[in-house]
């Protein structure tokens, strides 16, 4: 589980490198802002196409093979990317990462996690995964940032950072092959041998609980994008310096691992869907506060405290929403296909949420643009409350009748 969770956090640093090293990457590749943005767009588009096929694959191929192959291919292509190839080649590499990470890795990781956790400990299992991913992000980001600064924060330093990430990913690929079970024994032995068809996909699409889980993931991911807007919100509305805003943003990373695991433990005790509904209520109130909080120094402590509360809630939801697969009775042998369908729709805010936020802030400069954006996020949180309550009412109630 340590290898799996670290891999799940670190593997995403290569396609999302620009989040930490945007300006150095732009200069090293000699690209425009639009061209650099298109690298992440091609990764997102390729990923979107790979979720369902990746889920189908995860139900039929040993997770050890899928995960280790994904890490090895991603790391090796990362070594080539460290040479800063042409724009066309860089686009091709990011498209390849969409395949290696989404088709081979993502659904297999979620399937292994479901198998690893007991039926009554799914919240803790997925919370542990998210905690490990958060710790992996923290440790690797801190180490590579120190290397980047030590080497002079230039093109050579960025190349060294990419090489370091790539070698770590390759090393995790080797460890995955020897540590992740799946060819014999245990729940992971339940690999489907049915021929390739769309029957399994259609069966999943007919499950009402899958669509409710999809809606919960969708709303939770929109809320996550709402927290990503808090960095610019703190500088534009509360006039914080860029350094302080970056510190506030990095502080959220410290919240992630502890929130994910703690909420996972609570979810196993009180119910996953019920816990998610409660967290969505917290997020609803938090984003309403962001929307109407005056941008004055007197309210800065409230804003910072609200960032902490929103971060705990959003990372808690992200840490446990896949545990709903067990709580709502989705068959284990369909875990991969189900997560593929859920992720294809539920993670689609990657495509439009940054655009919605940017358009609103450009059209309504100042507090009004942020107010509209946060009100939209709050409305989606309200939808999440309703979806979680419906899951609690239908599936949790039905389970209590079956097992009084």
Protein backbone atom coordinates (compact mmCIF):
# COMPACT_ATOMS: atom_id res chain seq x y z
CA UNK A 1 0.00 0.00 0.00
CA UNK A 2 2.93 2.32 0.64
CA UNK A 3 4.29 1.69 -2.86
CA UNK A 4 0.83 2.06 -4.41
CA UNK A 5 -0.04 5.34 -2.68
CA UNK A 6 3.37 6.92 -3.29
CA UNK A 7 3.10 5.95 -6.95
CA UNK A 8 -0.40 7.42 -7.15
CA UNK A 9 0.86 10.78 -5.93
CA UNK A 10 4.22 11.09 -7.69
CA UNK A 11 3.24 9.81 -11.15
CA UNK A 12 1.09 12.90 -11.76
CA UNK A 13 3.95 15.35 -11.24
CA UNK A 14 5.28 14.91 -14.78
CA UNK A 15 2.11 15.94 -16.70
CA UNK A 16 1.31 18.59 -14.06
CA UNK A 17 4.87 19.92 -13.88
CA UNK A 18 3.72 23.38 -14.93
CA UNK A 19 1.74 23.81 -11.71
CA UNK A 20 5.01 24.10 -9.80
CA UNK A 21 7.43 25.23 -12.52
CA UNK A 22 5.26 27.11 -15.00
CA UNK A 23 7.62 29.92 -15.97
CA UNK A 24 10.81 27.81 -16.05
CA UNK A 25 9.04 25.19 -18.18
CA UNK A 26 7.73 27.82 -20.59
CA UNK A 27 11.22 29.23 -21.06
CA UNK A 28 12.93 25.84 -21.30
CA UNK A 29 10.56 24.63 -24.04
CA UNK A 30 10.48 28.09 -25.67
CA UNK A 31 6.70 28.01 -25.93
CA UNK A 32 3.89 30.53 -25.62
CA UNK A 33 1.42 30.43 -22.73
CA UNK A 34 -1.21 28.94 -25.03
CA UNK A 35 1.16 26.20 -26.18
CA UNK A 36 2.13 25.32 -22.61
CA UNK A 37 -1.56 25.19 -21.66
CA UNK A 38 -2.24 22.87 -24.59
CA UNK A 39 0.19 20.31 -23.14
CA UNK A 40 -2.09 19.82 -20.13
CA UNK A 41 -5.18 19.98 -22.35
CA UNK A 42 -3.97 17.10 -24.55
CA UNK A 43 -3.19 15.09 -21.43
CA UNK A 44 -6.69 15.75 -20.08
CA UNK A 45 -8.39 14.91 -23.39
CA UNK A 46 -6.44 11.67 -23.77
CA UNK A 47 -7.19 10.74 -20.16
CA UNK A 48 -10.91 11.32 -20.68
CA UNK A 49 -10.92 8.80 -23.53
CA UNK A 50 -9.01 6.21 -21.48
CA UNK A 51 -11.06 6.00 -18.27
CA UNK A 52 -13.63 3.43 -19.41
CA UNK A 53 -11.19 1.25 -21.44
CA UNK A 54 -8.79 1.47 -18.50
CA UNK A 55 -11.52 0.26 -16.15
CA UNK A 56 -12.33 -2.66 -18.44
CA UNK A 57 -8.62 -3.52 -18.59
CA UNK A 58 -8.25 -3.33 -14.80
CA UNK A 59 -10.91 -6.02 -14.40
CA UNK A 60 -9.10 -8.41 -16.75
CA UNK A 61 -5.34 -7.93 -16.39
CA UNK A 62 -3.21 -8.42 -13.29
CA UNK A 63 -2.85 -5.06 -11.50
CA UNK A 64 0.81 -5.83 -10.88
CA UNK A 65 1.46 -5.87 -14.62
CA UNK A 66 -0.66 -2.78 -15.34
CA UNK A 67 0.77 -0.62 -12.55
CA UNK A 68 4.42 -1.55 -13.01
CA UNK A 69 4.20 -1.14 -16.80
CA UNK A 70 2.53 2.26 -16.38
CA UNK A 71 5.21 3.54 -14.00
CA UNK A 72 8.07 2.26 -16.14
CA UNK A 73 6.70 3.73 -19.39
CA UNK A 74 5.87 7.06 -17.73
CA UNK A 75 9.31 7.35 -16.13
CA UNK A 76 11.22 6.42 -19.30
CA UNK A 77 9.29 8.94 -21.40
CA UNK A 78 9.93 11.49 -18.63
CA UNK A 79 13.68 11.02 -19.08
CA UNK A 80 13.30 11.93 -22.75
CA UNK A 81 11.12 14.92 -21.86
CA UNK A 82 13.98 16.21 -19.66
CA UNK A 83 15.87 17.00 -22.91
CA UNK A 84 13.13 19.59 -23.70
CA UNK A 85 12.10 18.33 -27.15
CA UNK A 86 10.12 20.23 -29.76
CA UNK A 87 6.54 21.35 -29.23
CA UNK A 88 5.10 18.51 -31.33
CA UNK A 89 7.10 15.88 -29.47
CA UNK A 90 6.12 17.43 -26.13
CA UNK A 91 2.46 17.18 -27.13
CA UNK A 92 2.97 13.53 -28.08
CA UNK A 93 4.63 12.78 -24.74
CA UNK A 94 1.76 14.37 -22.80
CA UNK A 95 -0.74 12.36 -24.87
CA UNK A 96 1.29 9.22 -24.09
CA UNK A 97 1.12 10.08 -20.37
CA UNK A 98 -2.66 10.24 -20.68
CA UNK A 99 -2.53 6.63 -21.87
CA UNK A 100 0.10 5.28 -19.46
CA UNK A 101 -1.38 6.97 -16.38
CA UNK A 102 -5.12 6.69 -17.08
CA UNK A 103 -5.45 3.56 -19.22
CA UNK A 104 -2.94 1.46 -17.28
CA UNK A 105 -2.62 2.95 -13.80
CA UNK A 106 -5.63 4.83 -12.44
CA UNK A 107 -8.43 2.25 -12.37
CA UNK A 108 -5.99 -0.52 -11.43
CA UNK A 109 -4.91 1.56 -8.42
CA UNK A 110 -8.50 2.02 -7.27
CA UNK A 111 -9.26 -1.67 -7.79
CA UNK A 112 -6.25 -2.75 -5.72
CA UNK A 113 -7.29 -0.36 -2.95
CA UNK A 114 -10.82 -1.76 -2.82
CA UNK A 115 -9.42 -5.28 -2.60
CA UNK A 116 -6.86 -4.29 0.05
CA UNK A 117 -9.47 -2.93 2.43
CA UNK A 118 -11.97 -5.13 4.23
CA UNK A 119 -15.65 -4.72 3.37
CA UNK A 120 -16.18 -2.76 6.60
CA UNK A 121 -12.98 -0.68 6.22
CA UNK A 122 -13.38 0.83 2.75
CA UNK A 123 -13.30 4.39 4.07
CA UNK A 124 -10.03 3.71 5.86
CA UNK A 125 -8.59 1.95 2.79
CA UNK A 126 -9.26 4.82 0.39
CA UNK A 127 -8.36 7.34 3.08
CA UNK A 128 -5.02 5.59 3.48
CA UNK A 129 -4.49 5.74 -0.29
CA UNK A 130 -5.20 9.47 -0.38
CA UNK A 131 -3.03 10.06 2.69
CA UNK A 132 -0.12 8.24 1.05
CA UNK A 133 -0.62 10.16 -2.18
CA UNK A 134 -0.56 13.41 -0.24
CA UNK A 135 2.60 12.47 1.65
CA UNK A 136 4.24 11.39 -1.60
CA UNK A 137 3.39 14.73 -3.18
CA UNK A 138 4.73 16.62 -0.17
CA UNK A 139 8.01 14.75 0.10
CA UNK A 140 8.81 14.65 -3.61
CA UNK A 141 7.76 18.27 -4.25
CA UNK A 142 9.89 19.50 -1.36
CA UNK A 143 12.93 17.45 -2.42
CA UNK A 144 12.79 18.48 -6.06
CA UNK A 145 12.16 22.12 -5.17
CA UNK A 146 15.27 22.10 -2.97
CA UNK A 147 17.24 20.58 -5.87
CA UNK A 148 15.85 23.18 -8.28
CA UNK A 149 16.91 26.05 -6.04
CA UNK A 150 20.31 24.49 -5.27
CA UNK A 151 21.14 24.10 -8.97
CA UNK A 152 20.28 27.69 -9.77
CA UNK A 153 16.59 27.66 -10.75
CA UNK A 154 17.41 27.60 -14.48
CA UNK A 155 16.88 25.28 -17.45
CA UNK A 156 19.54 22.83 -16.25
CA UNK A 157 17.96 22.75 -12.80
CA UNK A 158 14.53 22.02 -14.27
CA UNK A 159 15.98 19.21 -16.37
CA UNK A 160 17.49 17.72 -13.20
CA UNK A 161 14.09 17.93 -11.48
CA UNK A 162 12.39 16.07 -14.34
CA UNK A 163 15.13 13.41 -14.31
CA UNK A 164 14.72 13.01 -10.54
CA UNK A 165 10.95 12.59 -10.84
CA UNK A 166 11.40 10.11 -13.70
CA UNK A 167 13.93 7.97 -11.84
CA UNK A 168 11.71 7.87 -8.74
CA UNK A 169 8.76 6.77 -10.90
CA UNK A 170 10.86 4.05 -12.58
CA UNK A 171 12.04 2.86 -9.17
CA UNK A 172 8.43 2.66 -7.97
CA UNK A 173 7.61 0.66 -11.10
CA UNK A 174 10.23 -1.93 -10.14
CA UNK A 175 8.98 -2.03 -6.55
CA UNK A 176 5.38 -2.39 -7.74
CA UNK A 177 6.21 -5.51 -9.71
CA UNK A 178 7.59 -7.22 -6.62
CA UNK A 179 5.16 -5.91 -3.97
CA UNK A 180 1.69 -5.71 -5.55
CA UNK A 181 -0.04 -9.08 -5.61
CA UNK A 182 -2.64 -10.05 -8.13
CA UNK A 183 -1.66 -13.20 -9.96
CA UNK A 184 -2.55 -15.66 -7.21
CA UNK A 185 -4.43 -15.67 -3.93
CA UNK A 186 -6.49 -13.04 -2.18
CA UNK A 187 -9.34 -10.92 -3.50
CA UNK A 188 -7.19 -9.63 -6.36
CA UNK A 189 -7.39 -13.07 -7.92
CA UNK A 190 -10.92 -12.22 -9.01
CA UNK A 191 -9.94 -11.20 -12.54
CA UNK A 192 -12.66 -11.55 -15.14
CA UNK A 193 -11.94 -13.77 -18.13
CA UNK A 194 -14.99 -12.76 -20.13
CA UNK A 195 -14.39 -11.85 -23.79
CA UNK A 196 -14.17 -8.25 -24.87
CA UNK A 197 -17.66 -6.80 -25.21
CA UNK A 198 -19.68 -3.79 -24.18
CA UNK A 199 -22.00 -5.90 -22.02
CA UNK A 200 -20.09 -5.15 -18.82
CA UNK A 201 -20.10 -1.43 -19.61
CA UNK A 202 -23.84 -1.47 -20.32
CA UNK A 203 -24.49 -3.39 -17.11
CA UNK A 204 -22.61 -0.75 -15.13
CA UNK A 205 -24.43 2.06 -16.94
CA UNK A 206 -27.75 0.58 -15.80
CA UNK A 207 -26.75 0.76 -12.12
CA UNK A 208 -28.42 3.75 -10.48
CA UNK A 209 -25.84 3.85 -7.70
CA UNK A 210 -23.03 4.29 -10.23
CA UNK A 211 -24.64 7.49 -11.51
CA UNK A 212 -25.16 8.79 -7.99
CA UNK A 213 -21.51 8.09 -7.16
CA UNK A 214 -20.57 9.83 -10.42
CA UNK A 215 -22.59 12.88 -9.36
CA UNK A 216 -20.90 12.91 -5.95
CA UNK A 217 -17.43 12.67 -7.51
CA UNK A 218 -18.37 15.41 -10.00
CA UNK A 219 -19.54 17.79 -7.26
CA UNK A 220 -16.58 16.94 -5.05
CA UNK A 221 -14.12 17.59 -7.86
CA UNK A 222 -15.79 20.92 -8.67
CA UNK A 223 -15.34 21.84 -4.99
CA UNK A 224 -11.68 20.83 -5.29
CA UNK A 225 -11.29 23.24 -8.21
CA UNK A 226 -12.96 25.85 -6.05
CA UNK A 227 -10.17 25.49 -3.49
CA UNK A 228 -7.56 25.82 -6.26
CA UNK A 229 -8.95 29.30 -6.96
CA UNK A 230 -8.20 30.39 -3.38
CA UNK A 231 -4.58 31.30 -4.18
CA UNK A 232 -5.58 34.03 -6.62
CA UNK A 233 -8.52 34.95 -4.36
CA UNK A 234 -6.13 35.70 -1.49
CA UNK A 235 -3.96 37.97 -3.66
CA UNK A 236 -6.76 39.71 -5.60
CA UNK A 237 -9.24 40.22 -2.77
CA UNK A 238 -7.11 40.23 0.40
CA UNK A 239 -3.99 41.65 -1.30
CA UNK A 240 -1.66 39.00 0.10
CA UNK A 241 1.82 38.85 -1.39
CA UNK A 242 2.60 36.11 -3.88
CA UNK A 243 4.88 34.44 -1.33
CA UNK A 244 2.21 34.39 1.37
CA UNK A 245 -0.38 33.15 -1.11
CA UNK A 246 1.98 30.35 -2.15
CA UNK A 247 2.50 29.51 1.53
CA UNK A 248 -1.26 29.37 2.05
CA UNK A 249 -1.59 27.10 -0.98
CA UNK A 250 1.19 24.76 0.14
CA UNK A 251 -0.42 24.62 3.56
CA UNK A 252 -3.34 22.80 1.95
CA UNK A 253 -0.97 20.00 0.96
CA UNK A 254 -0.13 19.48 4.64
CA UNK A 255 -3.84 19.17 5.43
CA UNK A 256 -4.51 16.56 2.72
CA UNK A 257 -2.97 13.35 4.14
CA UNK A 258 -4.31 13.81 7.66
CA UNK A 259 -7.77 14.86 6.51
CA UNK A 260 -8.08 11.93 4.10
CA UNK A 261 -7.15 9.29 6.66
CA UNK A 262 -9.09 10.84 9.56
CA UNK A 263 -12.26 11.23 7.51
CA UNK A 264 -11.80 7.67 6.24
CA UNK A 265 -11.87 6.33 9.80
CA UNK A 266 -15.00 8.37 10.56
CA UNK A 267 -16.66 7.14 7.36
CA UNK A 268 -16.22 3.51 8.39
CA UNK A 269 -17.93 4.28 11.69
CA UNK A 270 -20.80 6.50 10.58
CA UNK A 271 -21.24 5.50 6.93
CA UNK A 272 -19.49 6.76 3.80
CA UNK A 273 -22.48 8.44 2.17
CA UNK A 274 -23.61 10.06 5.42
CA UNK A 275 -20.09 11.41 6.03
CA UNK A 276 -19.90 12.77 2.48
CA UNK A 277 -23.24 14.58 2.85
CA UNK A 278 -22.00 16.19 6.08
CA UNK A 279 -18.77 17.32 4.41
CA UNK A 280 -20.69 18.80 1.49
CA UNK A 281 -22.71 20.85 4.00
CA UNK A 282 -19.44 22.13 5.47
CA UNK A 283 -18.22 23.04 1.97
CA UNK A 284 -21.50 24.74 1.12
CA UNK A 285 -21.13 27.03 4.13
CA UNK A 286 -17.41 27.57 3.48
CA UNK A 287 -17.91 28.71 -0.12
CA UNK A 288 -20.79 30.98 0.90
CA UNK A 289 -18.37 32.60 3.36
CA UNK A 290 -15.78 33.03 0.61
CA UNK A 291 -18.43 34.56 -1.64
CA UNK A 292 -19.55 37.26 0.79
CA UNK A 293 -16.51 37.80 3.06
CA UNK A 294 -15.29 41.41 2.78
CA UNK A 295 -11.71 41.71 1.50
CA UNK A 296 -10.42 43.52 4.55
CA UNK A 297 -7.40 42.83 6.75
CA UNK A 298 -9.78 42.52 9.69
CA UNK A 299 -11.32 39.43 8.10
CA UNK A 300 -8.04 37.81 7.06
CA UNK A 301 -7.97 35.36 10.03
CA UNK A 302 -11.50 34.23 9.13
CA UNK A 303 -10.46 33.71 5.52
CA UNK A 304 -7.41 31.64 6.50
CA UNK A 305 -9.44 29.55 8.94
CA UNK A 306 -12.07 29.02 6.25
CA UNK A 307 -9.37 27.82 3.84
CA UNK A 308 -8.35 25.21 6.41
CA UNK A 309 -11.94 24.06 6.95
CA UNK A 310 -12.66 23.86 3.20
CA UNK A 311 -9.41 21.96 2.59
CA UNK A 312 -10.21 19.38 5.28
CA UNK A 313 -13.69 18.85 3.84
CA UNK A 314 -12.68 18.63 0.18
CA UNK A 315 -9.74 16.29 0.79
CA UNK A 316 -11.93 14.22 3.08
CA UNK A 317 -14.50 13.78 0.32
CA UNK A 318 -11.81 12.96 -2.24
CA UNK A 319 -10.36 10.43 0.14
CA UNK A 320 -13.53 8.36 0.56
CA UNK A 321 -15.92 8.80 -2.37
CA UNK A 322 -14.69 5.62 -4.11
CA UNK A 323 -15.54 3.71 -0.93
CA UNK A 324 -19.17 4.15 -2.04
CA UNK A 325 -18.58 1.31 -4.51
CA UNK A 326 -18.68 -1.17 -1.63
CA UNK A 327 -21.35 0.64 0.36
CA UNK A 328 -23.77 0.67 -2.57
CA UNK A 329 -23.07 -2.93 -3.58
CA UNK A 330 -21.28 -2.52 -6.91
CA UNK A 331 -19.92 -6.04 -7.69
CA UNK A 332 -16.17 -6.31 -7.13
CA UNK A 333 -15.58 -7.87 -10.55
CA UNK A 334 -16.97 -4.68 -12.11
CA UNK A 335 -14.85 -2.31 -10.03
CA UNK A 336 -12.62 -1.30 -12.94
CA UNK A 337 -15.43 -0.58 -15.41
CA UNK A 338 -17.45 1.23 -12.73
CA UNK A 339 -14.54 3.48 -11.74
CA UNK A 340 -13.83 4.12 -15.42
CA UNK A 341 -17.38 5.36 -16.01
CA UNK A 342 -17.38 7.35 -12.76
CA UNK A 343 -14.05 9.02 -13.52
CA UNK A 344 -14.84 9.83 -17.14
CA UNK A 345 -17.75 12.02 -16.05
CA UNK A 346 -16.85 12.80 -12.44
CA UNK A 347 -13.38 14.18 -13.22
CA UNK A 348 -14.53 16.19 -16.25
CA UNK A 349 -14.39 19.48 -14.26
CA UNK A 350 -10.69 19.45 -15.22
CA UNK A 351 -11.88 20.63 -18.63
CA UNK A 352 -14.28 23.44 -17.79
CA UNK A 353 -13.84 24.63 -14.18
CA UNK A 354 -10.61 26.61 -14.83
CA UNK A 355 -12.31 28.22 -17.84
CA UNK A 356 -15.47 29.09 -15.90
CA UNK A 357 -13.45 30.71 -13.11
CA UNK A 358 -11.25 32.67 -15.51
CA UNK A 359 -14.20 33.91 -17.58
CA UNK A 360 -16.15 35.09 -14.54
CA UNK A 361 -13.17 36.91 -13.04
CA UNK A 362 -12.31 38.53 -16.38
CA UNK A 363 -15.93 39.57 -17.00
CA UNK A 364 -16.45 40.82 -13.43
CA UNK A 365 -13.12 42.03 -12.03
CA UNK A 366 -12.73 42.18 -8.29
CA UNK A 367 -14.93 40.59 -5.62
CA UNK A 368 -17.98 40.16 -7.88
CA UNK A 369 -16.29 37.65 -10.21
CA UNK A 370 -15.10 35.54 -7.29
CA UNK A 371 -18.54 35.82 -5.68
CA UNK A 372 -20.24 34.39 -8.77
CA UNK A 373 -17.67 31.60 -9.02
CA UNK A 374 -17.94 30.59 -5.35
CA UNK A 375 -21.74 30.70 -5.50
CA UNK A 376 -21.65 28.25 -8.42
CA UNK A 377 -19.38 25.95 -6.41
CA UNK A 378 -21.68 26.29 -3.38
CA UNK A 379 -24.66 25.31 -5.56
CA UNK A 380 -22.82 22.19 -6.72
CA UNK A 381 -22.06 21.35 -3.09
CA UNK A 382 -25.80 21.50 -2.40
CA UNK A 383 -26.31 18.97 -5.20
CA UNK A 384 -23.66 16.83 -3.53
CA UNK A 385 -25.55 16.97 -0.23
CA UNK A 386 -28.70 15.73 -1.96
CA UNK A 387 -26.87 12.92 -3.81
CA UNK A 388 -25.18 11.71 -0.62
CA UNK A 389 -28.48 11.82 1.26
CA UNK A 390 -30.16 9.77 -1.47
CA UNK A 391 -27.42 7.13 -1.30
CA UNK A 392 -27.81 7.02 2.48
CA UNK A 393 -31.58 6.71 2.25
CA UNK A 394 -31.72 4.01 -0.43
CA UNK A 395 -28.62 1.82 -0.18
CA UNK A 396 -27.67 2.20 3.48
CA UNK A 397 -31.28 1.66 4.55
CA UNK A 398 -31.58 -1.38 2.27
CA UNK A 399 -28.37 -2.84 3.72
CA UNK A 400 -29.66 -2.38 7.28
CA UNK A 401 -32.77 -4.36 6.35
CA UNK A 402 -30.68 -7.17 4.85
CA UNK A 403 -28.30 -7.21 7.82
CA UNK A 404 -30.25 -6.04 10.92
